[in-house]
């Protein structure tokens, strides 16, 4: 596969369980990398349960960047997108629930790519 979407739950306790030593989030990132997936998108789901907290979003990006770097990914080449699958926020069209979110940007060999939504 050329690309993988790593879905991370933003809920209190859910995120922490996923990135713990034996967490599935950590395992899935490692599997994607070892299977040769070079491009990674991180969708931070259930943002509605955090009341679209920018602080929680930034905390998750910081923690996730740290562990995906250890796996082998360059965090600057990864798009991070806050979403709510339940409500469809930021899936296909930009959400009004997170006015602080200006979109994602990732570095590639030929420059930078940017966007606002998951797909």
PDB file of N, CA and C in Angstrom:
ATOM      1  N   UNK A   1       0.834  -1.193   0.000  1.00  0.00           N
ATOM      2  CA  UNK A   1       0.000   0.000   0.000  1.00  0.00           C
ATOM      3  C   UNK A   1       0.874   1.249   0.000  1.00  0.00           C
ATOM      4  N   UNK A   2       0.403   2.278  -0.670  1.00  0.00           N
ATOM      5  CA  UNK A   2       1.137   3.539  -0.724  1.00  0.00           C
ATOM      6  C   UNK A   2       0.934   4.375   0.523  1.00  0.00           C
ATOM      7  N   UNK A   3      -0.230   4.223   1.144  1.00  0.00           N
ATOM      8  CA  UNK A   3      -0.590   5.093   2.255  1.00  0.00           C
ATOM      9  C   UNK A   3      -1.447   4.339   3.269  1.00  0.00           C
ATOM     10  N   UNK A   4      -1.330   4.746   4.522  1.00  0.00           N
ATOM     11  CA  UNK A   4      -2.178   4.186   5.579  1.00  0.00           C
ATOM     12  C   UNK A   4      -2.754   5.330   6.397  1.00  0.00           C
ATOM     13  N   UNK A   5      -3.969   5.133   6.880  1.00  0.00           N
ATOM     14  CA  UNK A   5      -4.587   6.092   7.793  1.00  0.00           C
ATOM     15  C   UNK A   5      -4.608   5.447   9.171  1.00  0.00           C
ATOM     16  N   UNK A   6      -3.916   6.065  10.094  1.00  0.00           N
ATOM     17  CA  UNK A   6      -3.884   5.594  11.473  1.00  0.00           C
ATOM     18  C   UNK A   6      -4.940   6.377  12.242  1.00  0.00           C
ATOM     19  N   UNK A   7      -5.978   5.689  12.694  1.00  0.00           N
ATOM     20  CA  UNK A   7      -7.062   6.337  13.431  1.00  0.00           C
ATOM     21  C   UNK A   7      -6.736   6.270  14.918  1.00  0.00           C
ATOM     22  N   UNK A   8      -6.702   7.426  15.554  1.00  0.00           N
ATOM     23  CA  UNK A   8      -6.397   7.513  16.979  1.00  0.00           C
ATOM     24  C   UNK A   8      -7.599   8.109  17.698  1.00  0.00           C
ATOM     25  N   UNK A   9      -8.041   7.476  18.771  1.00  0.00           N
ATOM     26  CA  UNK A   9      -9.158   7.990  19.565  1.00  0.00           C
ATOM     27  C   UNK A   9      -8.660   9.097  20.490  1.00  0.00           C
ATOM     28  N   UNK A  10      -9.340  10.238  20.458  1.00  0.00           N
ATOM     29  CA  UNK A  10      -8.923  11.388  21.263  1.00  0.00           C
ATOM     30  C   UNK A  10      -9.440  11.338  22.693  1.00  0.00           C
ATOM     31  N   UNK A  11     -10.370  10.438  22.969  1.00  0.00           N
ATOM     32  CA  UNK A  11     -10.987  10.368  24.292  1.00  0.00           C
ATOM     33  C   UNK A  11      -9.985  10.138  25.411  1.00  0.00           C
ATOM     34  N   UNK A  12     -10.269  10.725  26.567  1.00  0.00           N
ATOM     35  CA  UNK A  12      -9.404  10.559  27.738  1.00  0.00           C
ATOM     36  C   UNK A  12      -9.327   9.083  28.102  1.00  0.00           C
ATOM     37  N   UNK A  13      -8.122   8.580  28.198  1.00  0.00           N
ATOM     38  CA  UNK A  13      -7.914   7.170  28.506  1.00  0.00           C
ATOM     39  C   UNK A  13      -7.776   6.309  27.265  1.00  0.00           C
ATOM     40  N   UNK A  14      -8.571   6.598  26.241  1.00  0.00           N
ATOM     41  CA  UNK A  14      -8.506   5.819  24.998  1.00  0.00           C
ATOM     42  C   UNK A  14      -7.179   6.040  24.288  1.00  0.00           C
ATOM     43  N   UNK A  15      -6.799   7.298  24.129  1.00  0.00           N
ATOM     44  CA  UNK A  15      -5.532   7.613  23.469  1.00  0.00           C
ATOM     45  C   UNK A  15      -4.369   7.017  24.245  1.00  0.00           C
ATOM     46  N   UNK A  16      -4.389   7.213  25.546  1.00  0.00           N
ATOM     47  CA  UNK A  16      -3.302   6.738  26.402  1.00  0.00           C
ATOM     48  C   UNK A  16      -3.160   5.214  26.337  1.00  0.00           C
ATOM     49  N   UNK A  17      -4.281   4.503  26.290  1.00  0.00           N
ATOM     50  CA  UNK A  17      -4.242   3.037  26.185  1.00  0.00           C
ATOM     51  C   UNK A  17      -3.652   2.612  24.839  1.00  0.00           C
ATOM     52  N   UNK A  18      -4.003   3.329  23.791  1.00  0.00           N
ATOM     53  CA  UNK A  18      -3.524   2.993  22.453  1.00  0.00           C
ATOM     54  C   UNK A  18      -2.034   3.167  22.258  1.00  0.00           C
ATOM     55  N   UNK A  19      -1.458   4.168  22.932  1.00  0.00           N
ATOM     56  CA  UNK A  19      -0.022   4.398  22.748  1.00  0.00           C
ATOM     57  C   UNK A  19       0.823   3.824  23.875  1.00  0.00           C
ATOM     58  N   UNK A  20       0.190   3.109  24.787  1.00  0.00           N
ATOM     59  CA  UNK A  20       0.956   2.474  25.865  1.00  0.00           C
ATOM     60  C   UNK A  20       1.894   1.425  25.262  1.00  0.00           C
ATOM     61  N   UNK A  21       2.768   0.889  26.083  1.00  0.00           N
ATOM     62  CA  UNK A  21       3.798  -0.051  25.619  1.00  0.00           C
ATOM     63  C   UNK A  21       3.231  -1.166  24.740  1.00  0.00           C
ATOM     64  N   UNK A  22       2.115  -1.734  25.120  1.00  0.00           N
ATOM     65  CA  UNK A  22       1.507  -2.814  24.344  1.00  0.00           C
ATOM     66  C   UNK A  22       0.237  -2.365  23.614  1.00  0.00           C
ATOM     67  N   UNK A  23       0.094  -1.063  23.406  1.00  0.00           N
ATOM     68  CA  UNK A  23      -1.115  -0.527  22.785  1.00  0.00           C
ATOM     69  C   UNK A  23      -1.224  -0.828  21.304  1.00  0.00           C
ATOM     70  N   UNK A  24      -2.472  -0.906  20.823  1.00  0.00           N
ATOM     71  CA  UNK A  24      -2.714  -1.222  19.419  1.00  0.00           C
ATOM     72  C   UNK A  24      -2.300  -0.099  18.478  1.00  0.00           C
ATOM     73  N   UNK A  25      -2.417   1.139  18.902  1.00  0.00           N
ATOM     74  CA  UNK A  25      -2.016   2.251  18.042  1.00  0.00           C
ATOM     75  C   UNK A  25      -0.535   2.133  17.705  1.00  0.00           C
ATOM     76  N   UNK A  26       0.259   1.902  18.708  1.00  0.00           N
ATOM     77  CA  UNK A  26       1.701   1.736  18.530  1.00  0.00           C
ATOM     78  C   UNK A  26       1.989   0.533  17.616  1.00  0.00           C
ATOM     79  N   UNK A  27       1.276  -0.560  17.869  1.00  0.00           N
ATOM     80  CA  UNK A  27       1.464  -1.783  17.082  1.00  0.00           C
ATOM     81  C   UNK A  27       1.089  -1.566  15.615  1.00  0.00           C
ATOM     82  N   UNK A  28      -0.013  -0.864  15.369  1.00  0.00           N
ATOM     83  CA  UNK A  28      -0.462  -0.633  13.998  1.00  0.00           C
ATOM     84  C   UNK A  28       0.505   0.261  13.233  1.00  0.00           C
ATOM     85  N   UNK A  29       1.066   1.260  13.892  1.00  0.00           N
ATOM     86  CA  UNK A  29       2.056   2.123  13.237  1.00  0.00           C
ATOM     87  C   UNK A  29       3.291   1.309  12.861  1.00  0.00           C
ATOM     88  N   UNK A  30       3.735   0.458  13.764  1.00  0.00           N
ATOM     89  CA  UNK A  30       4.897  -0.389  13.502  1.00  0.00           C
ATOM     90  C   UNK A  30       4.615  -1.366  12.364  1.00  0.00           C
ATOM     91  N   UNK A  31       3.441  -1.975  12.360  1.00  0.00           N
ATOM     92  CA  UNK A  31       3.065  -2.893  11.280  1.00  0.00           C
ATOM     93  C   UNK A  31       3.054  -2.185   9.931  1.00  0.00           C
ATOM     94  N   UNK A  32       2.457  -1.011   9.878  1.00  0.00           N
ATOM     95  CA  UNK A  32       2.402  -0.258   8.622  1.00  0.00           C
ATOM     96  C   UNK A  32       3.809   0.008   8.101  1.00  0.00           C
ATOM     97  N   UNK A  33       4.687   0.442   8.989  1.00  0.00           N
ATOM     98  CA  UNK A  33       6.054   0.765   8.573  1.00  0.00           C
ATOM     99  C   UNK A  33       6.804  -0.486   8.108  1.00  0.00           C
ATOM    100  N   UNK A  34       6.702  -1.566   8.860  1.00  0.00           N
ATOM    101  CA  UNK A  34       7.433  -2.782   8.493  1.00  0.00           C
ATOM    102  C   UNK A  34       6.864  -3.435   7.232  1.00  0.00           C
ATOM    103  N   UNK A  35       5.599  -3.155   6.915  1.00  0.00           N
ATOM    104  CA  UNK A  35       5.010  -3.661   5.677  1.00  0.00           C
ATOM    105  C   UNK A  35       5.325  -2.766   4.479  1.00  0.00           C
ATOM    106  N   UNK A  36       6.090  -1.701   4.716  1.00  0.00           N
ATOM    107  CA  UNK A  36       6.539  -0.851   3.617  1.00  0.00           C
ATOM    108  C   UNK A  36       5.657   0.332   3.291  1.00  0.00           C
ATOM    109  N   UNK A  37       4.703   0.647   4.151  1.00  0.00           N
ATOM    110  CA  UNK A  37       3.843   1.815   3.918  1.00  0.00           C
ATOM    111  C   UNK A  37       4.657   3.066   4.225  1.00  0.00           C
ATOM    112  N   UNK A  38       4.911   3.867   3.194  1.00  0.00           N
ATOM    113  CA  UNK A  38       5.778   5.036   3.359  1.00  0.00           C
ATOM    114  C   UNK A  38       5.028   6.297   3.780  1.00  0.00           C
ATOM    115  N   UNK A  39       3.776   6.400   3.384  1.00  0.00           N
ATOM    116  CA  UNK A  39       2.995   7.601   3.688  1.00  0.00           C
ATOM    117  C   UNK A  39       1.947   7.298   4.747  1.00  0.00           C
ATOM    118  N   UNK A  40       1.945   8.125   5.784  1.00  0.00           N
ATOM    119  CA  UNK A  40       1.028   7.920   6.901  1.00  0.00           C
ATOM    120  C   UNK A  40       0.191   9.173   7.129  1.00  0.00           C
ATOM    121  N   UNK A  41      -1.094   8.962   7.338  1.00  0.00           N
ATOM    122  CA  UNK A  41      -2.017  10.025   7.735  1.00  0.00           C
ATOM    123  C   UNK A  41      -2.522   9.642   9.119  1.00  0.00           C
ATOM    124  N   UNK A  42      -2.524  10.579  10.044  1.00  0.00           N
ATOM    125  CA  UNK A  42      -3.047  10.312  11.379  1.00  0.00           C
ATOM    126  C   UNK A  42      -4.357  11.081  11.536  1.00  0.00           C
ATOM    127  N   UNK A  43      -5.447  10.334  11.683  1.00  0.00           N
ATOM    128  CA  UNK A  43      -6.761  10.930  11.911  1.00  0.00           C
ATOM    129  C   UNK A  43      -7.056  10.835  13.402  1.00  0.00           C
ATOM    130  N   UNK A  44      -7.196  11.985  14.035  1.00  0.00           N
ATOM    131  CA  UNK A  44      -7.481  12.022  15.467  1.00  0.00           C
ATOM    132  C   UNK A  44      -8.999  12.086  15.615  1.00  0.00           C
ATOM    133  N   UNK A  45      -9.578  10.925  15.911  1.00  0.00           N
ATOM    134  CA  UNK A  45     -11.029  10.736  15.914  1.00  0.00           C
ATOM    135  C   UNK A  45     -11.642  11.049  17.286  1.00  0.00           C
ATOM    136  N   UNK A  46     -12.952  11.151  17.295  1.00  0.00           N
ATOM    137  CA  UNK A  46     -13.729  11.417  18.513  1.00  0.00           C
ATOM    138  C   UNK A  46     -13.390  12.773  19.131  1.00  0.00           C
ATOM    139  N   UNK A  47     -13.018  13.722  18.286  1.00  0.00           N
ATOM    140  CA  UNK A  47     -12.716  15.061  18.794  1.00  0.00           C
ATOM    141  C   UNK A  47     -13.949  15.709  19.408  1.00  0.00           C
ATOM    142  N   UNK A  48     -15.133  15.269  18.989  1.00  0.00           N
ATOM    143  CA  UNK A  48     -16.366  15.797  19.585  1.00  0.00           C
ATOM    144  C   UNK A  48     -16.440  15.465  21.074  1.00  0.00           C
ATOM    145  N   UNK A  49     -15.856  14.335  21.491  1.00  0.00           N
ATOM    146  CA  UNK A  49     -15.887  13.952  22.910  1.00  0.00           C
ATOM    147  C   UNK A  49     -14.940  14.801  23.757  1.00  0.00           C
ATOM    148  N   UNK A  50     -14.046  15.543  23.105  1.00  0.00           N
ATOM    149  CA  UNK A  50     -13.132  16.439  23.828  1.00  0.00           C
ATOM    150  C   UNK A  50     -13.599  17.890  23.708  1.00  0.00           C
ATOM    151  N   UNK A  51     -14.821  18.055  23.184  1.00  0.00           N
ATOM    152  CA  UNK A  51     -15.362  19.392  22.903  1.00  0.00           C
ATOM    153  C   UNK A  51     -14.438  20.162  21.960  1.00  0.00           C
ATOM    154  N   UNK A  52     -13.832  19.426  21.037  1.00  0.00           N
ATOM    155  CA  UNK A  52     -12.931  19.982  20.030  1.00  0.00           C
ATOM    156  C   UNK A  52     -11.802  20.785  20.674  1.00  0.00           C
ATOM    157  N   UNK A  53     -11.209  20.214  21.694  1.00  0.00           N
ATOM    158  CA  UNK A  53     -10.133  20.866  22.441  1.00  0.00           C
ATOM    159  C   UNK A  53      -8.843  20.940  21.624  1.00  0.00           C
ATOM    160  N   UNK A  54      -8.407  22.164  21.349  1.00  0.00           N
ATOM    161  CA  UNK A  54      -7.140  22.349  20.632  1.00  0.00           C
ATOM    162  C   UNK A  54      -5.972  21.834  21.466  1.00  0.00           C
ATOM    163  N   UNK A  55      -6.050  22.024  22.784  1.00  0.00           N
ATOM    164  CA  UNK A  55      -4.978  21.557  23.674  1.00  0.00           C
ATOM    165  C   UNK A  55      -4.846  20.035  23.598  1.00  0.00           C
ATOM    166  N   UNK A  56      -5.971  19.328  23.590  1.00  0.00           N
ATOM    167  CA  UNK A  56      -5.935  17.865  23.495  1.00  0.00           C
ATOM    168  C   UNK A  56      -5.368  17.439  22.137  1.00  0.00           C
ATOM    169  N   UNK A  57      -5.786  18.108  21.079  1.00  0.00           N
ATOM    170  CA  UNK A  57      -5.288  17.831  19.728  1.00  0.00           C
ATOM    171  C   UNK A  57      -3.768  17.983  19.678  1.00  0.00           C
ATOM    172  N   UNK A  58      -3.259  19.098  20.214  1.00  0.00           N
ATOM    173  CA  UNK A  58      -1.813  19.348  20.205  1.00  0.00           C
ATOM    174  C   UNK A  58      -1.064  18.329  21.067  1.00  0.00           C
ATOM    175  N   UNK A  59      -1.646  17.951  22.200  1.00  0.00           N
ATOM    176  CA  UNK A  59      -1.033  16.942  23.074  1.00  0.00           C
ATOM    177  C   UNK A  59      -0.897  15.608  22.334  1.00  0.00           C
ATOM    178  N   UNK A  60      -1.947  15.230  21.613  1.00  0.00           N
ATOM    179  CA  UNK A  60      -1.934  13.970  20.870  1.00  0.00           C
ATOM    180  C   UNK A  60      -0.912  14.025  19.732  1.00  0.00           C
ATOM    181  N   UNK A  61      -0.828  15.148  19.040  1.00  0.00           N
ATOM    182  CA  UNK A  61       0.174  15.286  17.975  1.00  0.00           C
ATOM    183  C   UNK A  61       1.577  15.127  18.549  1.00  0.00           C
ATOM    184  N   UNK A  62       1.836  15.774  19.669  1.00  0.00           N
ATOM    185  CA  UNK A  62       3.164  15.709  20.289  1.00  0.00           C
ATOM    186  C   UNK A  62       3.535  14.272  20.656  1.00  0.00           C
ATOM    187  N   UNK A  63       2.633  13.587  21.355  1.00  0.00           N
ATOM    188  CA  UNK A  63       2.890  12.207  21.789  1.00  0.00           C
ATOM    189  C   UNK A  63       3.009  11.261  20.592  1.00  0.00           C
ATOM    190  N   UNK A  64       2.111  11.418  19.626  1.00  0.00           N
ATOM    191  CA  UNK A  64       2.106  10.543  18.455  1.00  0.00           C
ATOM    192  C   UNK A  64       3.358  10.760  17.614  1.00  0.00           C
ATOM    193  N   UNK A  65       3.755  12.010  17.437  1.00  0.00           N
ATOM    194  CA  UNK A  65       4.967  12.317  16.667  1.00  0.00           C
ATOM    195  C   UNK A  65       6.176  11.624  17.266  1.00  0.00           C
ATOM    196  N   UNK A  66       6.245  11.622  18.576  1.00  0.00           N
ATOM    197  CA  UNK A  66       7.366  11.000  19.272  1.00  0.00           C
ATOM    198  C   UNK A  66       7.444   9.501  18.986  1.00  0.00           C
ATOM    199  N   UNK A  67       6.316   8.794  19.081  1.00  0.00           N
ATOM    200  CA  UNK A  67       6.408   7.346  18.879  1.00  0.00           C
ATOM    201  C   UNK A  67       6.480   6.939  17.414  1.00  0.00           C
ATOM    202  N   UNK A  68       5.869   7.704  16.486  1.00  0.00           N
ATOM    203  CA  UNK A  68       5.996   7.313  15.075  1.00  0.00           C
ATOM    204  C   UNK A  68       7.411   7.587  14.566  1.00  0.00           C
ATOM    205  N   UNK A  69       8.080   8.560  15.176  1.00  0.00           N
ATOM    206  CA  UNK A  69       9.478   8.815  14.819  1.00  0.00           C
ATOM    207  C   UNK A  69      10.341   7.617  15.214  1.00  0.00           C
ATOM    208  N   UNK A  70      10.075   7.048  16.375  1.00  0.00           N
ATOM    209  CA  UNK A  70      10.817   5.861  16.831  1.00  0.00           C
ATOM    210  C   UNK A  70      10.564   4.668  15.917  1.00  0.00           C
ATOM    211  N   UNK A  71       9.365   4.594  15.350  1.00  0.00           N
ATOM    212  CA  UNK A  71       9.017   3.510  14.431  1.00  0.00           C
ATOM    213  C   UNK A  71       9.775   3.665  13.111  1.00  0.00           C
ATOM    214  N   UNK A  72       9.999   4.924  12.685  1.00  0.00           N
ATOM    215  CA  UNK A  72      10.708   5.168  11.434  1.00  0.00           C
ATOM    216  C   UNK A  72      10.099   6.237  10.550  1.00  0.00           C
ATOM    217  N   UNK A  73       8.931   6.753  10.924  1.00  0.00           N
ATOM    218  CA  UNK A  73       8.289   7.809  10.139  1.00  0.00           C
ATOM    219  C   UNK A  73       8.851   9.175  10.513  1.00  0.00           C
ATOM    220  N   UNK A  74       8.858  10.081   9.540  1.00  0.00           N
ATOM    221  CA  UNK A  74       9.218  11.472   9.793  1.00  0.00           C
ATOM    222  C   UNK A  74       7.917  12.219  10.113  1.00  0.00           C
ATOM    223  N   UNK A  75       7.741  12.683  11.352  1.00  0.00           N
ATOM    224  CA  UNK A  75       6.485  13.368  11.710  1.00  0.00           C
ATOM    225  C   UNK A  75       6.160  14.573  10.829  1.00  0.00           C
ATOM    226  N   UNK A  76       7.175  15.219  10.253  1.00  0.00           N
ATOM    227  CA  UNK A  76       6.920  16.375   9.387  1.00  0.00           C
ATOM    228  C   UNK A  76       6.333  15.958   8.044  1.00  0.00           C
ATOM    229  N   UNK A  77       6.426  14.662   7.733  1.00  0.00           N
ATOM    230  CA  UNK A  77       5.873  14.144   6.485  1.00  0.00           C
ATOM    231  C   UNK A  77       4.509  13.481   6.709  1.00  0.00           C
ATOM    232  N   UNK A  78       3.973  13.634   7.909  1.00  0.00           N
ATOM    233  CA  UNK A  78       2.692  13.012   8.271  1.00  0.00           C
ATOM    234  C   UNK A  78       1.619  14.088   8.413  1.00  0.00           C
ATOM    235  N   UNK A  79       0.455  13.841   7.814  1.00  0.00           N
ATOM    236  CA  UNK A  79      -0.684  14.754   7.969  1.00  0.00           C
ATOM    237  C   UNK A  79      -1.477  14.349   9.211  1.00  0.00           C
ATOM    238  N   UNK A  80      -1.758  15.316  10.076  1.00  0.00           N
ATOM    239  CA  UNK A  80      -2.582  15.095  11.269  1.00  0.00           C
ATOM    240  C   UNK A  80      -3.904  15.828  11.067  1.00  0.00           C
ATOM    241  N   UNK A  81      -5.020  15.108  11.215  1.00  0.00           N
ATOM    242  CA  UNK A  81      -6.336  15.696  10.968  1.00  0.00           C
ATOM    243  C   UNK A  81      -7.278  15.391  12.134  1.00  0.00           C
ATOM    244  N   UNK A  82      -7.854  16.429  12.770  1.00  0.00           N
ATOM    245  CA  UNK A  82      -8.853  16.185  13.818  1.00  0.00           C
ATOM    246  C   UNK A  82     -10.195  15.864  13.154  1.00  0.00           C
ATOM    247  N   UNK A  83     -10.814  14.758  13.551  1.00  0.00           N
ATOM    248  CA  UNK A  83     -12.085  14.371  12.928  1.00  0.00           C
ATOM    249  C   UNK A  83     -13.094  13.898  13.977  1.00  0.00           C
ATOM    250  N   UNK A  84     -14.332  13.815  13.536  1.00  0.00           N
ATOM    251  CA  UNK A  84     -15.370  13.111  14.293  1.00  0.00           C
ATOM    252  C   UNK A  84     -16.078  12.222  13.283  1.00  0.00           C
ATOM    253  N   UNK A  85     -15.800  10.935  13.338  1.00  0.00           N
ATOM    254  CA  UNK A  85     -16.450   9.999  12.431  1.00  0.00           C
ATOM    255  C   UNK A  85     -17.947   9.935  12.670  1.00  0.00           C
ATOM    256  N   UNK A  86     -18.357  10.088  13.921  1.00  0.00           N
ATOM    257  CA  UNK A  86     -19.769  10.023  14.294  1.00  0.00           C
ATOM    258  C   UNK A  86     -20.570  11.118  13.596  1.00  0.00           C
ATOM    259  N   UNK A  87     -19.994  12.323  13.557  1.00  0.00           N
ATOM    260  CA  UNK A  87     -20.684  13.466  12.954  1.00  0.00           C
ATOM    261  C   UNK A  87     -20.208  13.783  11.540  1.00  0.00           C
ATOM    262  N   UNK A  88     -19.099  13.172  11.114  1.00  0.00           N
ATOM    263  CA  UNK A  88     -18.561  13.428   9.782  1.00  0.00           C
ATOM    264  C   UNK A  88     -17.698  14.678   9.688  1.00  0.00           C
ATOM    265  N   UNK A  89     -17.357  15.271  10.835  1.00  0.00           N
ATOM    266  CA  UNK A  89     -16.545  16.493  10.834  1.00  0.00           C
ATOM    267  C   UNK A  89     -15.157  16.256  10.246  1.00  0.00           C
ATOM    268  N   UNK A  90     -14.763  17.123   9.323  1.00  0.00           N
ATOM    269  CA  UNK A  90     -13.439  17.111   8.683  1.00  0.00           C
ATOM    270  C   UNK A  90     -13.155  15.836   7.895  1.00  0.00           C
ATOM    271  N   UNK A  91     -14.192  15.102   7.553  1.00  0.00           N
ATOM    272  CA  UNK A  91     -13.989  13.906   6.736  1.00  0.00           C
ATOM    273  C   UNK A  91     -13.866  14.314   5.265  1.00  0.00           C
ATOM    274  N   UNK A  92     -14.886  14.971   4.754  1.00  0.00           N
ATOM    275  CA  UNK A  92     -14.891  15.404   3.358  1.00  0.00           C
ATOM    276  C   UNK A  92     -14.928  16.916   3.217  1.00  0.00           C
ATOM    277  N   UNK A  93     -15.543  17.577   4.193  1.00  0.00           N
ATOM    278  CA  UNK A  93     -15.626  19.038   4.168  1.00  0.00           C
ATOM    279  C   UNK A  93     -15.128  19.592   5.497  1.00  0.00           C
ATOM    280  N   UNK A  94     -14.525  20.778   5.469  1.00  0.00           N
ATOM    281  CA  UNK A  94     -14.016  21.380   6.709  1.00  0.00           C
ATOM    282  C   UNK A  94     -15.130  21.586   7.736  1.00  0.00           C
ATOM    283  N   UNK A  95     -14.789  21.359   8.994  1.00  0.00           N
ATOM    284  CA  UNK A  95     -15.754  21.490  10.086  1.00  0.00           C
ATOM    285  C   UNK A  95     -15.723  22.891  10.688  1.00  0.00           C
ATOM    286  N   UNK A  96     -16.888  23.368  11.090  1.00  0.00           N
ATOM    287  CA  UNK A  96     -16.972  24.657  11.783  1.00  0.00           C
ATOM    288  C   UNK A  96     -16.743  24.479  13.283  1.00  0.00           C
ATOM    289  N   UNK A  97     -16.627  23.229  13.743  1.00  0.00           N
ATOM    290  CA  UNK A  97     -16.448  22.960  15.172  1.00  0.00           C
ATOM    291  C   UNK A  97     -15.027  23.189  15.677  1.00  0.00           C
ATOM    292  N   UNK A  98     -14.091  23.385  14.761  1.00  0.00           N
ATOM    293  CA  UNK A  98     -12.699  23.595  15.185  1.00  0.00           C
ATOM    294  C   UNK A  98     -12.098  24.774  14.416  1.00  0.00           C
ATOM    295  N   UNK A  99     -12.545  25.991  14.734  1.00  0.00           N
ATOM    296  CA  UNK A  99     -12.054  27.172  14.016  1.00  0.00           C
ATOM    297  C   UNK A  99     -10.547  27.378  14.164  1.00  0.00           C
ATOM    298  N   UNK A 100      -9.954  26.787  15.188  1.00  0.00           N
ATOM    299  CA  UNK A 100      -8.512  26.880  15.416  1.00  0.00           C
ATOM    300  C   UNK A 100      -7.718  26.033  14.423  1.00  0.00           C
ATOM    301  N   UNK A 101      -8.363  25.047  13.786  1.00  0.00           N
ATOM    302  CA  UNK A 101      -7.667  24.140  12.866  1.00  0.00           C
ATOM    303  C   UNK A 101      -7.584  24.771  11.483  1.00  0.00           C
ATOM    304  N   UNK A 102      -6.365  25.039  11.043  1.00  0.00           N
ATOM    305  CA  UNK A 102      -6.153  25.712   9.760  1.00  0.00           C
ATOM    306  C   UNK A 102      -5.834  24.741   8.629  1.00  0.00           C
ATOM    307  N   UNK A 103      -5.755  23.453   8.948  1.00  0.00           N
ATOM    308  CA  UNK A 103      -5.455  22.454   7.927  1.00  0.00           C
ATOM    309  C   UNK A 103      -4.160  21.728   8.239  1.00  0.00           C
ATOM    310  N   UNK A 104      -3.861  20.713   7.441  1.00  0.00           N
ATOM    311  CA  UNK A 104      -2.638  19.942   7.634  1.00  0.00           C
ATOM    312  C   UNK A 104      -1.609  20.318   6.575  1.00  0.00           C
ATOM    313  N   UNK A 105      -0.373  20.057   6.903  1.00  0.00           N
ATOM    314  CA  UNK A 105       0.723  20.294   5.970  1.00  0.00           C
ATOM    315  C   UNK A 105       1.749  19.198   6.187  1.00  0.00           C
ATOM    316  N   UNK A 106       2.287  18.681   5.105  1.00  0.00           N
ATOM    317  CA  UNK A 106       3.331  17.670   5.224  1.00  0.00           C
ATOM    318  C   UNK A 106       4.430  17.941   4.212  1.00  0.00           C
ATOM    319  N   UNK A 107       5.640  17.637   4.631  1.00  0.00           N
ATOM    320  CA  UNK A 107       6.799  17.840   3.771  1.00  0.00           C
ATOM    321  C   UNK A 107       7.020  16.612   2.901  1.00  0.00           C
ATOM    322  N   UNK A 108       7.298  16.875   1.619  1.00  0.00           N
ATOM    323  CA  UNK A 108       7.676  15.810   0.697  1.00  0.00           C
ATOM    324  C   UNK A 108       8.934  16.264  -0.030  1.00  0.00           C
ATOM    325  N   UNK A 109       9.531  15.369  -0.803  1.00  0.00           N
ATOM    326  CA  UNK A 109      10.794  15.690  -1.478  1.00  0.00           C
ATOM    327  C   UNK A 109      10.695  16.933  -2.355  1.00  0.00           C
ATOM    328  N   UNK A 110       9.572  17.091  -3.042  1.00  0.00           N
ATOM    329  CA  UNK A 110       9.431  18.209  -3.972  1.00  0.00           C
ATOM    330  C   UNK A 110       8.854  19.472  -3.336  1.00  0.00           C
ATOM    331  N   UNK A 111       8.642  19.471  -2.021  1.00  0.00           N
ATOM    332  CA  UNK A 111       8.099  20.661  -1.366  1.00  0.00           C
ATOM    333  C   UNK A 111       7.147  20.315  -0.242  1.00  0.00           C
ATOM    334  N   UNK A 112       5.970  20.940  -0.275  1.00  0.00           N
ATOM    335  CA  UNK A 112       4.981  20.704   0.776  1.00  0.00           C
ATOM    336  C   UNK A 112       3.614  20.445   0.166  1.00  0.00           C
ATOM    337  N   UNK A 113       2.852  19.627   0.850  1.00  0.00           N
ATOM    338  CA  UNK A 113       1.456  19.379   0.499  1.00  0.00           C
ATOM    339  C   UNK A 113       0.602  19.874   1.651  1.00  0.00           C
ATOM    340  N   UNK A 114      -0.608  20.331   1.343  1.00  0.00           N
ATOM    341  CA  UNK A 114      -1.489  20.782   2.415  1.00  0.00           C
ATOM    342  C   UNK A 114      -2.939  20.480   2.060  1.00  0.00           C
ATOM    343  N   UNK A 115      -3.766  20.470   3.079  1.00  0.00           N
ATOM    344  CA  UNK A 115      -5.187  20.232   2.893  1.00  0.00           C
ATOM    345  C   UNK A 115      -5.930  20.551   4.174  1.00  0.00           C
ATOM    346  N   UNK A 116      -7.244  20.361   4.144  1.00  0.00           N
ATOM    347  CA  UNK A 116      -8.052  20.685   5.319  1.00  0.00           C
ATOM    348  C   UNK A 116      -8.771  19.476   5.894  1.00  0.00           C
ATOM    349  N   UNK A 117      -9.072  18.496   5.052  1.00  0.00           N
ATOM    350  CA  UNK A 117      -9.887  17.370   5.503  1.00  0.00           C
ATOM    351  C   UNK A 117      -9.143  16.045   5.368  1.00  0.00           C
ATOM    352  N   UNK A 118      -9.770  14.986   5.855  1.00  0.00           N
ATOM    353  CA  UNK A 118      -9.165  13.660   5.791  1.00  0.00           C
ATOM    354  C   UNK A 118      -9.080  13.166   4.355  1.00  0.00           C
ATOM    355  N   UNK A 119     -10.163  13.292   3.603  1.00  0.00           N
ATOM    356  CA  UNK A 119     -10.194  12.787   2.220  1.00  0.00           C
ATOM    357  C   UNK A 119     -10.427  13.898   1.226  1.00  0.00           C
TER     358      UNK A 119
END
